[in-house]
Amino acid sequence: MIFNKIINTLHPLERKVLPHIAKHATISALIDASKLSETEVIRAIQWLSNKNIVTIDVRPVELIGLDENGKAYSKIGLPEKRFLKAISAKPLSQQEIVKHENVTQEEIGVCIGLLKRYGAIEFKEEMKIAITDAGKALLTTVLPEEHLLERLAKESRNVSALTLAEKEAYERLKRRKEIIKTTPIKVRTVTLTALGEKLAKIKLDAKGIQDRLTPQMLKEGSWKGKTFRHYDVKINVPKITGGKRHFENQALEYIKRIWLDLGFKEMKGSYVQTSFWDLDTLFVPQDHPARQMQDTLYIGSGTIERGKLPPIYKKIKEVHEKGGNTGSMGWRTPWNEDEEKKLLLRTHTTVLSAQRLASLKKEELPGKFFNAGRVFRNEAVDWKHLFEFYQVDGIVVDENATLKHLKGYLRCFFGKMGYPDVRMRPAYFPYTEPSVEVDVFHPIKKEWVELGGAGIFRPEVVIPLLGKDVPVLAWGLGLARIVSGYYNITDIRDLYKNDLKQLREMKAWMRV
C-alpha cells in the first residue's frame, strides 16, 4: 500500500531513471542508459532524493586535459624530442636548431635545462650542442609525458585515476607553459536507499496514470475515472528568491529620502562635463595635479573632445588670473581657454553645486540642494579604490549660515545612517575656506573613521557664480564608505561583484 502511494507520486522522468541506478551510479552513465538529457536526469535524481529513494554524494574532482601547447605537442611531439632529433646527426647551434626542427626560442631554453638533467646533451666548441649516448637512448624511448599526452588527446582524465607514472608526468608537465589544463568539477554519485532498492525491483508501469489535468479534459469531462499522479505538497522544493533592488540602491534611496525630508531639493546633471564646470568654477588651478590624465578621465579618441563655454566664463577667468572682485589675488597665472573646453567624466558631483549656484534666482534664496550620483576617477582598482562610485554632495545657500549649521546638518544625516558621533578636523580643499574633514565614530570598530570633506565655499567660487558673497555650506561624502560597514563589507569591490548568492542573502537596508 505504501509502495503504491509512493509509486503514484513518481514523475515520468523518475520512472525512466530509477531502474538504471542500481547499475549506473554517475550522471553521465544514467544519461546514456535512460536516453534522457543531462537536465532531465539531474531533475529526476533530485526529485528521487527528496523522496528518500536515492542519496547523492557530491565530491570535487580535478579533471585534466590538454591546453594549447599540449594539443600541438600531442601531434608534433615534445620540444625536447624535436631538439634531440635536430642534433642526432651532428652538433648544432641554438639558431640552427630553431631553423632545423621548428623549435621556438622560448622552447630552446626549456629543452636545454631538461636535457642537461637527463645527461642527454653536451656543449662543444663554438657553443654547438651535441647529443650523448644517453640522449640517443632517450630519443628512442617513449617518455611518460608522451604517453600521458597521447591519452589526454583522446579524453580528459581524473587526476585521482592516474597511475603513479602518469601522476609524476602530470606534475612535470604542469610546471610547463600551457601544456596541461586543470578544471575543477563536481562529480555526483547516486546510490539507492533501502526504499529505493525495493522500488527498483518493482515494475514502474505508468500506464493509466495521468501526469497532468488539462483544460481539454475538464471541458470534455474525460478526467472522470482517471488515475492521476499524486503530488506531495510537503516535499522539499527549490528555494525561490524574489526580486529586489540592489542593496546599494536601497541605501541610495534611503539617503535621498533623508535629504528630501530635511527640505533639500535634488540636483541632477550630466556625467559628461567640461573642465570649466568641473574644475574652474570651483577655483581649482589649471596646474592642479587632478587635471592630469592620470587622475581625470577625459573624453575623446586620440584627441580630447571640446565643449562650449557659457558667458560666465569671463568672470571665472578674471578670478583665476587676478582674483576679480573677490578680494583675492587669484592664482596669478595665465588662464588657458582651451583647457577649459576639455570634456571629461565628472570627477565629483560638486560640479552640480556650481551649476546650481550659477542658475539660482533671488526668489530661490535661501536654498538647500543635494545630489547622490556617480562620479569617475582614473584610479587603480583595489580594496578601497574604484574608478566609478557614488558621491553624496550638498549645499546650503543662506546669508545666516555658519560652520555650526554645517555640523548640525551632517550630524543629523550621519545619525540617521547609524553614526551618532560626528567630529570635524581642519583640512584643505581648493574651493572651501574654512575646510574640514568629517569623521564619525564607528560603533563596531570603536574608532574614528573619515567619511568625507566639507566647508564653506570660498568667495572665489560664490561671487562669480551667484553675483554676491553669500555663505554656502558644502560637503562631499563617499557613499561606499558610509554603507559598507552596515553590510559588513571590507573590500569596496564587493559592492559590485554581481554575486547572485550575495545579492539574494544580503540583508535589507533598515536604518531609521
Protein backbone atom coordinates (compact mmCIF):
# COMPACT_ATOMS: atom_id res chain seq x y z
CA MET A 1 0.00 0.00 0.00
CA ILE A 2 2.83 2.38 0.96
CA PHE A 3 4.71 1.46 -2.21
CA ASN A 4 1.66 2.17 -4.34
CA LYS A 5 1.33 5.58 -2.73
CA ILE A 6 4.99 6.39 -3.45
CA ILE A 7 4.81 4.97 -6.98
CA ASN A 8 1.82 7.17 -7.72
CA THR A 9 3.90 10.27 -6.88
CA LEU A 10 6.74 9.42 -9.28
CA HIS A 11 7.23 11.75 -12.23
CA PRO A 12 7.71 10.14 -15.66
CA LEU A 13 11.38 11.18 -15.58
CA GLU A 14 11.84 9.46 -12.22
CA ARG A 15 10.25 6.28 -13.61
CA LYS A 16 12.71 6.27 -16.50
CA VAL A 17 15.83 6.86 -14.39
CA LEU A 18 15.14 4.74 -11.27
CA PRO A 19 15.54 1.28 -12.88
CA HIS A 20 19.05 2.13 -14.10
CA ILE A 21 20.53 3.47 -10.84
CA ALA A 22 21.49 0.03 -9.47
CA LYS A 23 23.96 -0.46 -12.36
CA HIS A 24 24.87 3.15 -13.19
CA ALA A 25 25.95 5.46 -10.38
CA THR A 26 27.11 8.54 -12.25
CA ILE A 27 25.11 11.19 -14.07
CA SER A 28 26.88 10.55 -17.38
CA ALA A 29 26.16 6.81 -17.17
CA LEU A 30 22.50 7.45 -16.34
CA ILE A 31 22.20 9.78 -19.32
CA ASP A 32 23.41 7.03 -21.65
CA ALA A 33 21.25 4.34 -20.02
CA SER A 34 18.00 6.33 -19.83
CA LYS A 35 18.43 8.21 -23.15
CA LEU A 36 17.42 11.43 -21.37
CA SER A 37 19.15 14.79 -21.41
CA GLU A 38 21.51 15.85 -18.63
CA THR A 39 18.96 18.35 -17.29
CA GLU A 40 16.21 15.70 -17.19
CA VAL A 41 18.42 13.19 -15.37
CA ILE A 42 19.56 15.75 -12.79
CA ARG A 43 15.96 16.79 -12.14
CA ALA A 44 14.86 13.18 -11.73
CA ILE A 45 17.72 12.42 -9.34
CA GLN A 46 16.93 15.49 -7.23
CA TRP A 47 13.25 14.56 -7.01
CA LEU A 48 14.14 10.97 -6.04
CA SER A 49 16.48 12.33 -3.38
CA ASN A 50 13.68 14.49 -1.96
CA LYS A 51 11.59 11.31 -1.59
CA ASN A 52 14.49 9.48 0.17
CA ILE A 53 14.67 6.98 -2.66
CA VAL A 54 18.31 7.79 -3.52
CA THR A 55 21.24 9.58 -1.89
CA ILE A 56 23.52 11.92 -3.82
CA ASP A 57 27.20 12.15 -2.95
CA VAL A 58 28.89 15.26 -4.39
CA ARG A 59 32.69 15.41 -4.34
CA PRO A 60 35.14 17.79 -6.02
CA VAL A 61 37.37 16.34 -8.73
CA GLU A 62 40.24 17.75 -10.74
CA LEU A 63 39.80 16.96 -14.41
CA ILE A 64 42.88 17.39 -16.62
CA GLY A 65 43.07 17.89 -20.37
CA LEU A 66 45.33 19.43 -22.96
CA ASP A 67 45.94 23.15 -23.23
CA GLU A 68 47.05 24.88 -26.45
CA ASN A 69 50.69 23.73 -26.35
CA GLY A 70 49.63 20.27 -25.18
CA LYS A 71 47.36 19.83 -28.21
CA ALA A 72 50.20 20.82 -30.52
CA TYR A 73 52.76 18.56 -28.77
CA SER A 74 50.42 15.57 -28.96
CA LYS A 75 50.68 15.89 -32.77
CA ILE A 76 54.25 17.10 -33.47
CA GLY A 77 55.99 15.75 -30.36
CA LEU A 78 57.52 17.28 -27.26
CA PRO A 79 60.06 20.05 -27.96
CA GLU A 80 62.86 18.14 -26.17
CA LYS A 81 62.36 15.20 -28.54
CA ARG A 82 62.40 17.52 -31.55
CA PHE A 83 65.53 19.16 -30.11
CA LEU A 84 67.30 15.78 -29.85
CA LYS A 85 66.19 14.81 -33.34
CA ALA A 86 67.68 18.01 -34.72
CA ILE A 87 71.16 17.28 -33.25
CA SER A 88 71.09 13.50 -33.80
CA ALA A 89 73.18 13.76 -36.98
CA LYS A 90 75.67 16.46 -35.89
CA PRO A 91 76.14 19.19 -33.28
CA LEU A 92 74.21 22.40 -33.98
CA SER A 93 73.99 25.90 -32.53
CA GLN A 94 70.78 27.13 -30.95
CA GLN A 95 69.98 29.22 -34.03
CA GLU A 96 70.46 26.18 -36.28
CA ILE A 97 68.19 24.03 -34.08
CA VAL A 98 65.41 26.62 -34.25
CA LYS A 99 65.54 26.52 -38.06
CA HIS A 100 66.01 22.75 -38.29
CA GLU A 101 63.14 21.35 -36.23
CA ASN A 102 60.79 24.30 -35.74
CA VAL A 103 61.70 24.68 -32.07
CA THR A 104 60.92 28.18 -30.77
CA GLN A 105 63.49 30.27 -28.94
CA GLU A 106 61.37 30.02 -25.79
CA GLU A 107 61.32 26.22 -26.04
CA ILE A 108 65.12 26.12 -26.56
CA GLY A 109 65.76 27.34 -23.02
CA VAL A 110 63.33 24.78 -21.53
CA CYS A 111 64.82 21.95 -23.60
CA ILE A 112 68.41 22.69 -22.61
CA GLY A 113 67.52 22.66 -18.92
CA LEU A 114 65.56 19.38 -19.19
CA LEU A 115 68.09 17.56 -21.39
CA LYS A 116 71.06 18.59 -19.25
CA ARG A 117 69.36 16.97 -16.25
CA TYR A 118 68.93 13.78 -18.31
CA GLY A 119 72.61 13.98 -19.38
CA ALA A 120 71.30 13.85 -22.95
CA ILE A 121 73.32 16.76 -24.39
CA GLU A 122 76.76 18.34 -24.11
CA PHE A 123 78.25 21.61 -25.35
CA LYS A 124 81.04 21.51 -27.91
CA GLU A 125 83.25 24.20 -29.43
CA GLU A 126 81.61 27.39 -30.71
CA MET A 127 78.63 26.70 -28.40
CA LYS A 128 77.46 23.80 -30.56
CA ILE A 129 75.20 21.29 -28.80
CA ALA A 130 75.77 17.56 -29.33
CA ILE A 131 73.72 14.50 -28.39
CA THR A 132 75.16 12.00 -25.91
CA ASP A 133 74.64 8.24 -25.71
CA ALA A 134 72.02 8.89 -23.02
CA GLY A 135 70.36 11.32 -25.43
CA LYS A 136 70.27 8.72 -28.21
CA ALA A 137 68.63 6.25 -25.84
CA LEU A 138 66.18 8.91 -24.74
CA LEU A 139 65.31 9.69 -28.36
CA THR A 140 64.06 6.12 -28.91
CA THR A 141 62.24 5.89 -25.56
CA VAL A 142 58.54 6.72 -25.11
CA LEU A 143 58.51 9.13 -22.18
CA PRO A 144 55.72 9.02 -19.55
CA GLU A 145 54.91 12.60 -20.61
CA GLU A 146 54.34 11.45 -24.20
CA HIS A 147 52.17 8.57 -23.02
CA LEU A 148 50.06 10.96 -20.93
CA LEU A 149 49.70 13.45 -23.81
CA GLU A 150 48.51 10.63 -26.06
CA ARG A 151 45.85 9.58 -23.55
CA LEU A 152 44.70 13.14 -22.87
CA ALA A 153 44.40 13.79 -26.60
CA LYS A 154 41.61 11.18 -26.62
CA GLU A 155 39.78 12.17 -23.42
CA SER A 156 40.14 14.20 -20.25
CA ARG A 157 41.24 12.30 -17.14
CA ASN A 158 40.52 12.45 -13.43
CA VAL A 159 43.75 13.26 -11.55
CA SER A 160 42.95 10.68 -8.87
CA ALA A 161 42.63 7.97 -11.56
CA LEU A 162 46.16 8.47 -12.91
CA THR A 163 48.83 5.81 -12.40
CA LEU A 164 51.91 6.67 -10.35
CA ALA A 165 53.99 7.22 -13.51
CA GLU A 166 51.22 9.37 -15.04
CA LYS A 167 50.96 11.47 -11.87
CA GLU A 168 54.71 12.13 -11.94
CA ALA A 169 54.48 13.06 -15.64
CA TYR A 170 51.48 15.27 -14.90
CA GLU A 171 53.38 17.15 -12.18
CA ARG A 172 56.29 17.75 -14.55
CA LEU A 173 54.08 18.92 -17.42
CA LYS A 174 52.01 21.12 -15.10
CA ARG A 175 55.10 23.23 -14.42
CA ARG A 176 55.49 23.99 -18.13
CA LYS A 177 53.59 26.63 -20.08
CA GLU A 178 50.10 25.84 -21.46
CA ILE A 179 50.52 22.07 -21.80
CA ILE A 180 48.11 20.77 -19.18
CA LYS A 181 44.79 22.39 -18.30
CA THR A 182 43.21 21.55 -14.95
CA THR A 183 39.47 22.02 -14.50
CA PRO A 184 37.81 21.56 -11.08
CA ILE A 185 34.42 19.85 -11.37
CA LYS A 186 31.91 18.24 -9.03
CA VAL A 187 31.10 14.55 -9.54
CA ARG A 188 27.71 13.32 -8.36
CA THR A 189 27.41 9.68 -7.35
CA VAL A 190 23.89 8.29 -6.96
CA THR A 191 23.10 5.40 -4.61
CA LEU A 192 19.79 3.67 -3.92
CA THR A 193 18.48 3.74 -0.36
CA ALA A 194 16.80 0.67 1.15
CA LEU A 195 13.49 2.07 -0.07
CA GLY A 196 14.98 2.70 -3.50
CA GLU A 197 16.29 -0.86 -3.80
CA LYS A 198 12.79 -2.20 -3.17
CA LEU A 199 11.18 0.20 -5.63
CA ALA A 200 13.77 -0.58 -8.30
CA LYS A 201 12.63 -4.21 -8.29
CA ILE A 202 9.01 -3.25 -8.93
CA LYS A 203 7.78 -2.69 -12.46
CA LEU A 204 7.07 1.06 -12.55
CA ASP A 205 4.33 0.93 -15.12
CA ALA A 206 2.88 4.39 -15.70
CA LYS A 207 0.11 3.20 -17.98
CA GLY A 208 -3.25 4.54 -16.92
CA ILE A 209 -1.71 7.22 -14.68
CA GLN A 210 -2.34 10.77 -15.82
CA ASP A 211 0.53 13.16 -15.19
CA ARG A 212 -1.50 16.36 -15.50
CA LEU A 213 -5.02 17.70 -15.67
CA THR A 214 -5.56 19.68 -18.88
CA PRO A 215 -8.25 22.28 -19.75
CA GLN A 216 -9.38 19.93 -22.54
CA MET A 217 -10.03 17.13 -20.03
CA LEU A 218 -12.08 19.48 -17.86
CA LYS A 219 -14.05 20.71 -20.84
CA GLU A 220 -14.84 17.22 -22.15
CA GLY A 221 -15.24 15.59 -18.72
CA SER A 222 -12.71 12.91 -19.70
CA TRP A 223 -10.93 13.28 -16.35
CA LYS A 224 -13.66 11.21 -14.72
CA GLY A 225 -12.48 7.73 -13.79
CA LYS A 226 -8.82 8.55 -14.46
CA THR A 227 -5.98 7.89 -12.03
CA PHE A 228 -3.82 10.97 -11.53
CA ARG A 229 -0.27 11.19 -10.27
CA HIS A 230 -0.23 12.23 -6.62
CA TYR A 231 1.58 15.40 -5.53
CA ASP A 232 3.38 15.58 -2.19
CA VAL A 233 2.78 19.14 -1.02
CA LYS A 234 5.14 18.68 1.97
CA ILE A 235 8.21 17.70 -0.02
CA ASN A 236 11.25 19.99 -0.26
CA VAL A 237 11.19 22.31 -3.25
CA PRO A 238 13.83 24.68 -4.63
CA LYS A 239 14.05 27.96 -2.76
CA ILE A 240 12.60 30.86 -4.73
CA THR A 241 14.13 34.27 -4.12
CA GLY A 242 12.02 37.26 -5.01
CA GLY A 243 13.27 40.22 -6.99
CA LYS A 244 14.60 43.22 -5.08
CA ARG A 245 16.72 46.29 -5.58
CA HIS A 246 20.48 46.01 -5.38
CA PHE A 247 21.47 46.57 -1.75
CA GLU A 248 23.50 49.68 -2.61
CA ASN A 249 20.48 51.16 -4.41
CA GLN A 250 18.39 50.52 -1.28
CA ALA A 251 20.87 52.59 0.73
CA LEU A 252 20.94 55.23 -2.00
CA GLU A 253 17.17 55.69 -1.92
CA TYR A 254 17.28 55.94 1.87
CA ILE A 255 19.97 58.65 1.67
CA LYS A 256 17.91 60.63 -0.81
CA ARG A 257 14.90 60.40 1.48
CA ILE A 258 16.94 61.83 4.40
CA TRP A 259 17.83 64.99 2.47
CA LEU A 260 14.36 65.36 0.99
CA ASP A 261 12.83 65.11 4.47
CA LEU A 262 15.21 67.87 5.60
CA GLY A 263 13.77 70.17 2.94
CA PHE A 264 16.53 69.80 0.34
CA LYS A 265 15.88 69.73 -3.41
CA GLU A 266 17.67 67.20 -5.60
CA MET A 267 20.17 68.43 -8.20
CA LYS A 268 20.62 66.49 -11.43
CA GLY A 269 23.10 66.79 -14.27
CA SER A 270 25.14 65.04 -16.94
CA TYR A 271 28.00 62.63 -16.33
CA VAL A 272 29.96 64.42 -19.06
CA GLN A 273 31.10 67.93 -18.15
CA THR A 274 33.65 70.47 -19.32
CA SER A 275 36.77 71.16 -17.30
CA PHE A 276 35.29 74.63 -16.85
CA TRP A 277 32.30 73.44 -14.81
CA ASP A 278 34.03 70.50 -13.12
CA LEU A 279 37.20 72.29 -12.03
CA ASP A 280 37.48 76.01 -12.88
CA THR A 281 34.23 77.18 -11.37
CA LEU A 282 35.41 75.58 -8.13
CA PHE A 283 38.63 77.58 -8.23
CA VAL A 284 40.84 74.53 -8.95
CA PRO A 285 44.06 75.90 -10.56
CA GLN A 286 44.88 74.83 -14.09
CA ASP A 287 48.16 73.29 -12.98
CA HIS A 288 46.49 71.21 -10.24
CA PRO A 289 47.57 67.50 -10.41
CA ALA A 290 43.91 66.37 -10.56
CA ARG A 291 43.63 67.83 -14.07
CA GLN A 292 46.20 65.39 -15.47
CA MET A 293 45.00 62.34 -17.38
CA GLN A 294 46.33 60.03 -14.67
CA ASP A 295 43.68 61.45 -12.32
CA THR A 296 40.88 62.51 -14.70
CA LEU A 297 39.04 60.56 -17.41
CA TYR A 298 38.89 62.83 -20.46
CA ILE A 299 36.55 62.15 -23.37
CA GLY A 300 37.99 61.56 -26.82
CA SER A 301 39.75 59.04 -29.03
CA GLY A 302 43.28 60.15 -29.75
CA THR A 303 42.43 63.83 -29.27
CA ILE A 304 40.39 65.17 -26.37
CA GLU A 305 36.95 66.48 -27.35
CA ARG A 306 35.99 70.09 -26.62
CA GLY A 307 32.78 71.61 -25.30
CA LYS A 308 31.34 75.14 -25.21
CA LEU A 309 31.86 77.75 -22.50
CA PRO A 310 28.95 79.78 -21.03
CA PRO A 311 29.14 83.61 -20.94
CA ILE A 312 30.04 83.45 -17.25
CA TYR A 313 33.48 82.10 -18.16
CA LYS A 314 34.92 85.62 -18.36
CA LYS A 315 34.24 86.17 -14.66
CA ILE A 316 35.83 82.83 -13.80
CA LYS A 317 38.88 83.70 -15.91
CA GLU A 318 39.31 87.02 -14.11
CA VAL A 319 39.07 85.35 -10.71
CA HIS A 320 41.70 82.75 -11.65
CA GLU A 321 44.13 85.28 -13.08
CA LYS A 322 43.74 88.26 -10.71
CA GLY A 323 41.03 87.44 -8.18
CA GLY A 324 38.32 89.59 -9.82
CA ASN A 325 36.11 91.44 -7.31
CA THR A 326 36.52 88.76 -4.62
CA GLY A 327 39.33 90.44 -2.69
CA SER A 328 41.63 87.57 -3.70
CA MET A 329 44.82 87.73 -5.77
CA GLY A 330 43.76 84.69 -7.79
CA TRP A 331 46.30 82.13 -8.95
CA ARG A 332 48.40 84.79 -10.75
CA THR A 333 48.86 82.57 -13.81
CA PRO A 334 47.55 82.91 -17.43
CA TRP A 335 44.19 81.24 -17.95
CA ASN A 336 44.09 78.76 -20.88
CA GLU A 337 40.66 78.85 -22.52
CA ASP A 338 41.33 75.67 -24.49
CA GLU A 339 41.98 73.80 -21.25
CA GLU A 340 38.50 74.71 -20.00
CA LYS A 341 36.74 73.28 -23.05
CA LYS A 342 38.01 69.74 -22.49
CA LEU A 343 35.24 67.20 -21.95
CA LEU A 344 35.58 64.76 -19.07
CA LEU A 345 33.61 62.35 -16.91
CA ARG A 346 32.73 64.36 -13.83
CA THR A 347 35.21 63.80 -11.02
CA HIS A 348 32.74 64.83 -8.32
CA THR A 349 29.09 65.80 -8.01
CA THR A 350 30.19 69.19 -6.62
CA VAL A 351 30.09 70.28 -10.27
CA LEU A 352 26.28 70.25 -9.91
CA SER A 353 26.54 72.57 -6.91
CA ALA A 354 28.48 75.06 -9.05
CA GLN A 355 25.91 74.86 -11.83
CA ARG A 356 23.07 75.29 -9.33
CA LEU A 357 24.67 78.42 -7.86
CA ALA A 358 25.05 79.88 -11.35
CA SER A 359 21.33 79.33 -12.10
CA LEU A 360 19.86 80.47 -8.75
CA LYS A 361 17.34 83.32 -8.72
CA LYS A 362 16.76 85.78 -5.87
CA GLU A 363 13.39 84.25 -5.01
CA GLU A 364 15.06 80.83 -4.51
CA LEU A 365 17.20 82.11 -1.65
CA PRO A 366 17.80 80.81 0.92
CA GLY A 367 18.06 77.35 -0.66
CA LYS A 368 19.15 73.81 0.18
CA PHE A 369 20.21 71.31 -2.52
CA PHE A 370 21.74 67.82 -2.67
CA ASN A 371 22.81 65.16 -5.13
CA ALA A 372 23.69 61.48 -4.80
CA GLY A 373 25.23 60.39 -8.09
CA ARG A 374 28.05 58.60 -9.86
CA VAL A 375 31.48 60.13 -10.27
CA PHE A 376 34.54 58.88 -12.13
CA ARG A 377 38.25 58.88 -11.31
CA ASN A 378 41.21 57.44 -13.16
CA GLU A 379 42.09 55.19 -10.22
CA ALA A 380 43.79 51.81 -9.96
CA VAL A 381 41.16 49.47 -8.53
CA ASP A 382 41.92 47.88 -5.18
CA TRP A 383 40.17 47.05 -1.90
CA LYS A 384 39.46 50.72 -1.12
CA HIS A 385 39.51 52.45 -4.54
CA LEU A 386 37.19 52.30 -7.55
CA PHE A 387 37.19 54.23 -10.83
CA GLU A 388 33.40 54.68 -10.61
CA PHE A 389 31.48 55.27 -7.41
CA TYR A 390 28.67 57.25 -5.77
CA GLN A 391 29.22 60.58 -4.05
CA VAL A 392 26.74 62.48 -1.87
CA ASP A 393 27.00 66.27 -2.25
CA GLY A 394 25.01 69.09 -0.73
CA ILE A 395 24.95 72.88 -0.42
CA VAL A 396 23.06 75.30 1.78
CA VAL A 397 22.88 78.90 0.47
CA ASP A 398 21.90 81.20 3.33
CA GLU A 399 23.15 84.61 4.48
CA ASN A 400 22.90 83.44 8.10
CA ALA A 401 24.61 80.05 7.61
CA THR A 402 27.67 79.22 9.73
CA LEU A 403 30.05 76.33 10.25
CA LYS A 404 27.94 75.35 13.25
CA HIS A 405 24.94 74.85 10.95
CA LEU A 406 27.11 72.66 8.68
CA LYS A 407 27.97 70.38 11.57
CA GLY A 408 24.28 70.26 12.51
CA TYR A 409 23.23 69.06 9.06
CA LEU A 410 26.00 66.45 8.92
CA ARG A 411 25.32 65.27 12.47
CA CYS A 412 21.64 64.80 11.58
CA PHE A 413 22.49 62.91 8.37
CA PHE A 414 25.08 60.60 9.89
CA GLY A 415 22.85 59.97 12.90
CA LYS A 416 20.19 58.56 10.56
CA MET A 417 22.93 56.48 8.86
CA GLY A 418 23.85 54.87 12.19
CA TYR A 419 26.74 57.15 13.24
CA PRO A 420 25.58 59.47 16.04
CA ASP A 421 29.06 60.82 16.91
CA VAL A 422 30.50 63.28 14.37
CA ARG A 423 33.61 65.46 14.53
CA MET A 424 35.32 67.86 12.14
CA ARG A 425 39.06 68.38 11.68
CA PRO A 426 40.73 71.30 9.85
CA ALA A 427 41.67 70.40 6.26
CA TYR A 428 42.40 71.96 2.87
CA PHE A 429 40.31 71.97 -0.31
CA PRO A 430 40.81 74.42 -3.22
CA TYR A 431 37.20 75.61 -3.17
CA THR A 432 36.29 75.89 0.54
CA GLU A 433 37.60 78.01 3.41
CA PRO A 434 37.34 77.04 6.16
CA SER A 435 37.64 73.35 5.13
CA VAL A 436 37.15 70.31 7.32
CA GLU A 437 37.47 66.53 7.17
CA VAL A 438 34.35 64.82 8.53
CA ASP A 439 34.91 61.86 10.88
CA VAL A 440 32.37 59.58 12.53
CA PHE A 441 32.89 57.22 15.44
CA HIS A 442 32.34 53.68 14.16
CA PRO A 443 30.10 51.85 16.67
CA ILE A 444 31.57 48.42 15.83
CA LYS A 445 35.24 49.19 15.13
CA LYS A 446 35.28 51.60 18.09
CA GLU A 447 37.44 54.11 16.21
CA TRP A 448 37.08 57.36 14.27
CA VAL A 449 36.64 56.91 10.51
CA GLU A 450 36.98 59.66 7.88
CA LEU A 451 33.92 59.72 5.59
CA GLY A 452 34.13 62.95 3.60
CA GLY A 453 35.07 66.58 3.28
CA ALA A 454 33.11 69.77 3.90
CA GLY A 455 33.43 73.51 4.37
CA ILE A 456 32.15 76.92 3.25
CA PHE A 457 32.67 77.85 -0.40
CA ARG A 458 35.34 80.50 -0.92
CA PRO A 459 34.33 83.92 -2.30
CA GLU A 460 36.30 82.99 -5.46
CA VAL A 461 33.65 80.31 -6.07
CA VAL A 462 30.50 82.06 -4.88
CA ILE A 463 30.82 85.64 -6.18
CA PRO A 464 31.35 84.91 -9.91
CA LEU A 465 28.61 82.24 -9.88
CA LEU A 466 25.99 83.85 -7.62
CA GLY A 467 26.86 87.51 -8.16
CA LYS A 468 27.40 88.26 -4.46
CA ASP A 469 29.19 86.82 -1.45
CA VAL A 470 26.75 84.66 0.50
CA PRO A 471 27.77 81.83 2.88
CA VAL A 472 27.42 78.50 1.06
CA LEU A 473 27.81 75.38 3.20
CA ALA A 474 29.10 72.47 1.11
CA TRP A 475 30.02 68.80 1.60
CA GLY A 476 31.05 65.78 -0.42
CA LEU A 477 30.73 62.28 1.07
CA GLY A 478 31.68 58.85 -0.30
CA LEU A 479 28.63 56.57 -0.34
CA ALA A 480 30.58 53.29 -0.33
CA ARG A 481 32.46 54.14 2.86
CA ILE A 482 29.24 55.14 4.58
CA VAL A 483 27.25 51.97 3.79
CA SER A 484 29.95 49.26 3.67
CA GLY A 485 30.01 48.96 7.47
CA TYR A 486 26.28 48.23 7.60
CA TYR A 487 26.70 45.44 5.04
CA ASN A 488 29.91 44.15 6.72
CA ILE A 489 31.89 44.72 3.52
CA THR A 490 35.64 45.29 3.95
CA ASP A 491 36.63 45.22 0.25
CA ILE A 492 34.84 48.00 -1.62
CA ARG A 493 34.87 45.91 -4.81
CA ASP A 494 32.37 43.53 -3.17
CA LEU A 495 29.67 46.19 -3.63
CA TYR A 496 29.62 45.45 -7.36
CA LYS A 497 30.83 41.87 -7.84
CA ASN A 498 27.38 40.63 -9.05
CA ASP A 499 27.46 37.51 -6.90
CA LEU A 500 23.93 36.08 -7.03
CA LYS A 501 24.36 34.36 -3.66
CA GLN A 502 25.44 37.67 -2.10
CA LEU A 503 22.58 39.58 -3.73
CA ARG A 504 20.00 37.05 -2.53
CA GLU A 505 21.28 36.81 1.03
CA MET A 506 22.24 40.44 1.69
CA LYS A 507 20.11 41.98 4.41
CA ALA A 508 17.72 44.79 3.56
CA TRP A 509 18.54 48.41 4.41
CA MET A 510 16.67 49.11 7.66
CA ARG A 511 18.06 52.36 9.12
CA VAL A 512 15.56 54.71 10.81
